[in-house]
Amino acid sequence: IYFEKLSIYCNHYASLIPMSFVLVFTVLYTSIPLPDRIMCTLSGGVQGGDEHGRLLRRTLMRYASLSALLILRSVSTAVFRRFPTMDHVVEAGTVSLQHTSNCNSLATT
């Protein structure tokens, strides 16, 4: 009964917001890898209280943050204005100059 009432309520306002916009926004939001979720998974999954475990978690989080930045850069104009090129990402300290060659060699579609 609750789902039916919710469906009727949503149908009433469906003409105000296009359904395609809602679906695209939902898919984008759920498919972007958020560093917070990844951090919680890594902290529980990657074992080791020693230096090796700490460096491994740190490196994995650095790559997760970089991937989130690259994805958000392609979706958000504000992020793209802040980081228009990989040189700006290097200047911010998110990635080293050594790793930019790996990013530049990736095929983009």
N, C-alpha and C. Protein backbone atom coordinates (compact mmCIF):
# COMPACT_ATOMS: atom_id res chain seq x y z
N ILE A 1 0.84 -1.19 0.00
CA ILE A 1 0.00 0.00 0.00
C ILE A 1 0.88 1.24 0.00
N TYR A 2 1.97 1.21 0.76
CA TYR A 2 2.86 2.37 0.82
C TYR A 2 3.49 2.65 -0.54
N PHE A 3 3.93 1.60 -1.24
CA PHE A 3 4.54 1.78 -2.56
C PHE A 3 3.54 2.37 -3.54
N GLU A 4 2.29 1.93 -3.45
CA GLU A 4 1.26 2.44 -4.35
C GLU A 4 1.02 3.93 -4.09
N LYS A 5 0.98 4.32 -2.84
CA LYS A 5 0.79 5.74 -2.51
C LYS A 5 1.99 6.57 -2.98
N LEU A 6 3.17 6.01 -2.81
CA LEU A 6 4.37 6.71 -3.27
C LEU A 6 4.36 6.84 -4.79
N SER A 7 3.93 5.82 -5.50
CA SER A 7 3.86 5.86 -6.96
C SER A 7 2.86 6.92 -7.43
N ILE A 8 1.75 6.99 -6.78
CA ILE A 8 0.74 7.99 -7.15
C ILE A 8 1.27 9.39 -6.87
N TYR A 9 1.93 9.57 -5.74
CA TYR A 9 2.51 10.86 -5.39
C TYR A 9 3.57 11.28 -6.42
N CYS A 10 4.44 10.37 -6.78
CA CYS A 10 5.49 10.67 -7.76
C CYS A 10 4.90 10.94 -9.13
N ASN A 11 3.89 10.22 -9.49
CA ASN A 11 3.23 10.42 -10.79
C ASN A 11 2.61 11.81 -10.87
N HIS A 12 2.13 12.31 -9.75
CA HIS A 12 1.53 13.64 -9.72
C HIS A 12 2.55 14.72 -10.08
N TYR A 13 3.79 14.55 -9.64
CA TYR A 13 4.84 15.55 -9.89
C TYR A 13 5.76 15.18 -11.04
N ALA A 14 5.44 14.15 -11.78
CA ALA A 14 6.32 13.68 -12.86
C ALA A 14 6.45 14.69 -13.98
N SER A 15 5.47 15.51 -14.18
CA SER A 15 5.54 16.47 -15.27
C SER A 15 6.49 17.64 -14.96
N LEU A 16 6.82 17.83 -13.68
CA LEU A 16 7.70 18.94 -13.30
C LEU A 16 9.18 18.64 -13.56
N ILE A 17 9.60 17.41 -13.31
CA ILE A 17 10.99 17.01 -13.51
C ILE A 17 11.00 15.83 -14.48
N PRO A 18 11.74 15.95 -15.59
CA PRO A 18 11.79 14.83 -16.54
C PRO A 18 12.40 13.58 -15.91
N MET A 19 11.78 12.46 -16.18
CA MET A 19 12.24 11.20 -15.60
C MET A 19 13.64 10.84 -16.08
N SER A 20 13.99 11.21 -17.30
CA SER A 20 15.33 10.90 -17.81
C SER A 20 16.39 11.62 -16.99
N PHE A 21 16.11 12.84 -16.56
CA PHE A 21 17.05 13.59 -15.71
C PHE A 21 17.25 12.88 -14.38
N VAL A 22 16.18 12.43 -13.79
CA VAL A 22 16.26 11.74 -12.50
C VAL A 22 17.05 10.45 -12.63
N LEU A 23 16.80 9.70 -13.70
CA LEU A 23 17.50 8.43 -13.90
C LEU A 23 18.99 8.64 -14.14
N VAL A 24 19.34 9.62 -14.96
CA VAL A 24 20.75 9.89 -15.25
C VAL A 24 21.46 10.34 -13.98
N PHE A 25 20.82 11.22 -13.22
CA PHE A 25 21.43 11.69 -11.97
C PHE A 25 21.62 10.54 -11.00
N THR A 26 20.64 9.65 -10.90
CA THR A 26 20.74 8.52 -9.99
C THR A 26 21.86 7.58 -10.41
N VAL A 27 21.96 7.28 -11.69
CA VAL A 27 23.01 6.39 -12.17
C VAL A 27 24.38 7.00 -11.95
N LEU A 28 24.52 8.30 -12.24
CA LEU A 28 25.81 8.96 -12.03
C LEU A 28 26.18 8.96 -10.56
N TYR A 29 25.24 9.27 -9.71
CA TYR A 29 25.54 9.37 -8.28
C TYR A 29 25.91 8.02 -7.69
N THR A 30 25.24 6.97 -8.11
CA THR A 30 25.52 5.66 -7.53
C THR A 30 26.75 5.00 -8.14
N SER A 31 27.19 5.45 -9.32
CA SER A 31 28.34 4.79 -9.95
C SER A 31 29.66 5.50 -9.71
N ILE A 32 29.64 6.72 -9.18
CA ILE A 32 30.89 7.42 -8.89
C ILE A 32 31.51 6.82 -7.63
N PRO A 33 32.75 6.39 -7.70
CA PRO A 33 33.38 5.81 -6.50
C PRO A 33 33.73 6.88 -5.49
N LEU A 34 32.99 6.92 -4.39
CA LEU A 34 33.25 7.91 -3.35
C LEU A 34 34.41 7.44 -2.48
N PRO A 35 35.41 8.29 -2.26
CA PRO A 35 36.57 7.87 -1.47
C PRO A 35 36.22 7.45 -0.05
N ASP A 36 35.16 8.00 0.54
CA ASP A 36 34.79 7.64 1.91
C ASP A 36 34.41 6.17 2.01
N ARG A 37 33.57 5.71 1.08
CA ARG A 37 33.16 4.30 1.09
C ARG A 37 34.35 3.38 0.86
N ILE A 38 35.20 3.77 -0.07
CA ILE A 38 36.38 2.95 -0.36
C ILE A 38 37.31 2.91 0.84
N MET A 39 37.44 4.05 1.54
CA MET A 39 38.31 4.11 2.72
C MET A 39 37.83 3.16 3.81
N CYS A 40 36.52 3.12 4.03
CA CYS A 40 35.98 2.22 5.06
C CYS A 40 36.25 0.76 4.69
N THR A 41 36.09 0.44 3.43
CA THR A 41 36.33 -0.93 2.98
C THR A 41 37.81 -1.28 3.10
N LEU A 42 38.68 -0.36 2.70
CA LEU A 42 40.12 -0.61 2.77
C LEU A 42 40.61 -0.75 4.21
N SER A 43 40.08 0.09 5.09
CA SER A 43 40.57 0.03 6.47
C SER A 43 40.17 -1.29 7.14
N GLY A 44 39.07 -1.87 6.71
CA GLY A 44 38.68 -3.16 7.26
C GLY A 44 39.25 -4.35 6.51
N GLY A 45 39.58 -4.16 5.25
CA GLY A 45 40.01 -5.28 4.43
C GLY A 45 41.50 -5.45 4.32
N VAL A 46 42.25 -4.36 4.31
CA VAL A 46 43.70 -4.44 4.18
C VAL A 46 44.29 -4.50 5.59
N GLN A 47 44.81 -5.66 5.93
CA GLN A 47 45.31 -5.91 7.28
C GLN A 47 46.74 -5.41 7.42
N GLY A 48 47.11 -5.21 8.65
CA GLY A 48 48.50 -4.86 8.94
C GLY A 48 48.61 -3.55 9.68
N GLY A 49 49.15 -3.61 10.87
CA GLY A 49 49.40 -2.41 11.65
C GLY A 49 50.82 -1.91 11.48
N ASP A 50 51.56 -2.59 10.63
CA ASP A 50 52.96 -2.20 10.43
C ASP A 50 53.06 -1.15 9.32
N GLU A 51 54.27 -0.78 8.99
CA GLU A 51 54.52 0.25 7.98
C GLU A 51 54.05 -0.18 6.59
N HIS A 52 54.21 -1.45 6.26
CA HIS A 52 53.79 -1.94 4.94
C HIS A 52 52.27 -1.81 4.76
N GLY A 53 51.51 -2.21 5.76
CA GLY A 53 50.05 -2.10 5.68
C GLY A 53 49.59 -0.66 5.59
N ARG A 54 50.23 0.21 6.35
CA ARG A 54 49.88 1.63 6.31
C ARG A 54 50.17 2.23 4.94
N LEU A 55 51.33 1.91 4.36
CA LEU A 55 51.69 2.44 3.04
C LEU A 55 50.76 1.88 1.95
N LEU A 56 50.37 0.61 2.09
CA LEU A 56 49.46 0.02 1.11
C LEU A 56 48.10 0.70 1.15
N ARG A 57 47.55 0.92 2.35
CA ARG A 57 46.26 1.61 2.47
C ARG A 57 46.37 3.04 1.95
N ARG A 58 47.45 3.70 2.25
CA ARG A 58 47.65 5.08 1.81
C ARG A 58 47.75 5.17 0.29
N THR A 59 48.48 4.26 -0.32
CA THR A 59 48.62 4.25 -1.78
C THR A 59 47.29 3.96 -2.46
N LEU A 60 46.57 2.98 -1.94
CA LEU A 60 45.27 2.66 -2.53
C LEU A 60 44.30 3.84 -2.42
N MET A 61 44.33 4.54 -1.29
CA MET A 61 43.45 5.70 -1.14
C MET A 61 43.88 6.85 -2.04
N ARG A 62 45.16 6.99 -2.29
CA ARG A 62 45.63 8.03 -3.21
C ARG A 62 45.09 7.76 -4.61
N TYR A 63 45.13 6.50 -5.04
CA TYR A 63 44.60 6.15 -6.36
C TYR A 63 43.08 6.30 -6.40
N ALA A 64 42.40 5.97 -5.30
CA ALA A 64 40.94 6.13 -5.26
C ALA A 64 40.56 7.60 -5.33
N SER A 65 41.30 8.45 -4.63
CA SER A 65 41.02 9.89 -4.69
C SER A 65 41.29 10.45 -6.08
N LEU A 66 42.34 9.98 -6.70
CA LEU A 66 42.65 10.43 -8.06
C LEU A 66 41.56 9.99 -9.04
N SER A 67 41.09 8.76 -8.91
CA SER A 67 40.04 8.30 -9.83
C SER A 67 38.75 9.09 -9.61
N ALA A 68 38.42 9.40 -8.36
CA ALA A 68 37.23 10.22 -8.10
C ALA A 68 37.40 11.61 -8.69
N LEU A 69 38.59 12.19 -8.57
CA LEU A 69 38.83 13.51 -9.14
C LEU A 69 38.70 13.50 -10.65
N LEU A 70 39.24 12.47 -11.30
CA LEU A 70 39.17 12.39 -12.76
C LEU A 70 37.73 12.20 -13.23
N ILE A 71 36.95 11.41 -12.49
CA ILE A 71 35.55 11.22 -12.86
C ILE A 71 34.77 12.51 -12.64
N LEU A 72 34.95 13.13 -11.49
CA LEU A 72 34.23 14.38 -11.22
C LEU A 72 34.65 15.49 -12.18
N ARG A 73 35.88 15.45 -12.62
CA ARG A 73 36.34 16.45 -13.59
C ARG A 73 35.61 16.33 -14.92
N SER A 74 35.23 15.10 -15.27
CA SER A 74 34.51 14.92 -16.54
C SER A 74 33.01 15.17 -16.39
N VAL A 75 32.51 15.26 -15.15
CA VAL A 75 31.07 15.45 -14.93
C VAL A 75 30.76 16.88 -14.48
N SER A 76 31.59 17.45 -13.65
CA SER A 76 31.31 18.75 -13.03
C SER A 76 32.11 19.86 -13.69
N THR A 77 31.44 20.92 -14.08
CA THR A 77 32.15 22.06 -14.67
C THR A 77 32.97 22.80 -13.63
N ALA A 78 32.51 22.82 -12.38
CA ALA A 78 33.29 23.50 -11.33
C ALA A 78 34.61 22.79 -11.09
N VAL A 79 34.58 21.47 -11.06
CA VAL A 79 35.82 20.71 -10.86
C VAL A 79 36.71 20.84 -12.10
N PHE A 80 36.10 20.86 -13.28
CA PHE A 80 36.89 21.01 -14.50
C PHE A 80 37.56 22.38 -14.56
N ARG A 81 36.87 23.42 -14.08
CA ARG A 81 37.50 24.74 -14.05
C ARG A 81 38.68 24.78 -13.08
N ARG A 82 38.58 24.03 -11.98
CA ARG A 82 39.67 23.99 -11.00
C ARG A 82 40.84 23.16 -11.51
N PHE A 83 40.55 22.07 -12.23
CA PHE A 83 41.58 21.17 -12.76
C PHE A 83 41.39 20.95 -14.26
N PRO A 84 41.67 21.97 -15.09
CA PRO A 84 41.44 21.80 -16.53
C PRO A 84 42.43 20.84 -17.20
N THR A 85 43.62 20.73 -16.67
CA THR A 85 44.61 19.82 -17.25
C THR A 85 45.24 19.00 -16.13
N MET A 86 45.98 17.98 -16.52
CA MET A 86 46.67 17.16 -15.53
C MET A 86 47.78 17.95 -14.83
N ASP A 87 48.27 19.00 -15.47
CA ASP A 87 49.28 19.83 -14.82
C ASP A 87 48.71 20.50 -13.57
N HIS A 88 47.44 20.89 -13.63
CA HIS A 88 46.80 21.49 -12.46
C HIS A 88 46.60 20.47 -11.34
N VAL A 89 46.37 19.22 -11.72
CA VAL A 89 46.24 18.16 -10.73
C VAL A 89 47.58 17.92 -10.05
N VAL A 90 48.67 17.99 -10.83
CA VAL A 90 50.02 17.82 -10.27
C VAL A 90 50.35 18.99 -9.34
N GLU A 91 49.99 20.22 -9.75
CA GLU A 91 50.27 21.39 -8.92
C GLU A 91 49.54 21.31 -7.58
N ALA A 92 48.35 20.72 -7.57
CA ALA A 92 47.58 20.59 -6.34
C ALA A 92 48.16 19.52 -5.42
N GLY A 93 49.04 18.69 -5.95
CA GLY A 93 49.67 17.65 -5.14
C GLY A 93 48.89 16.35 -5.07
N THR A 94 47.87 16.21 -5.90
CA THR A 94 47.07 14.99 -5.90
C THR A 94 47.81 13.82 -6.54
N VAL A 95 48.61 14.11 -7.52
CA VAL A 95 49.35 13.07 -8.24
C VAL A 95 50.74 13.61 -8.57
N SER A 96 51.69 12.71 -8.70
CA SER A 96 53.04 13.14 -9.06
C SER A 96 53.18 13.22 -10.57
N LEU A 97 54.19 13.91 -11.00
CA LEU A 97 54.46 14.05 -12.43
C LEU A 97 54.75 12.70 -13.06
N GLN A 98 55.34 11.79 -12.30
CA GLN A 98 55.65 10.45 -12.78
C GLN A 98 54.38 9.68 -13.16
N HIS A 99 53.30 9.86 -12.39
CA HIS A 99 52.07 9.12 -12.64
C HIS A 99 51.22 9.73 -13.75
N THR A 100 51.47 10.96 -14.15
CA THR A 100 50.66 11.58 -15.19
C THR A 100 50.86 10.91 -16.54
N SER A 101 52.04 10.36 -16.78
CA SER A 101 52.25 9.67 -18.06
C SER A 101 51.35 8.45 -18.16
N ASN A 102 51.10 7.78 -17.03
CA ASN A 102 50.16 6.65 -17.04
C ASN A 102 48.75 7.12 -17.35
N CYS A 103 48.34 8.24 -16.79
CA CYS A 103 46.99 8.77 -17.04
C CYS A 103 46.85 9.26 -18.47
N ASN A 104 47.89 9.88 -19.00
CA ASN A 104 47.82 10.40 -20.36
C ASN A 104 47.81 9.29 -21.40
N SER A 105 48.36 8.13 -21.06
CA SER A 105 48.40 7.04 -22.03
C SER A 105 47.08 6.27 -22.09
N LEU A 106 46.16 6.53 -21.15
CA LEU A 106 44.87 5.84 -21.17
C LEU A 106 44.03 6.33 -22.34
N ALA A 107 43.32 5.41 -22.95
CA ALA A 107 42.44 5.77 -24.06
C ALA A 107 41.18 6.40 -23.50
N THR A 108 40.77 7.52 -24.08
CA THR A 108 39.54 8.19 -23.64
C THR A 108 38.48 8.02 -24.71
N THR A 109 37.25 7.95 -24.26
CA THR A 109 36.15 7.80 -25.21
C THR A 109 35.21 8.97 -25.09
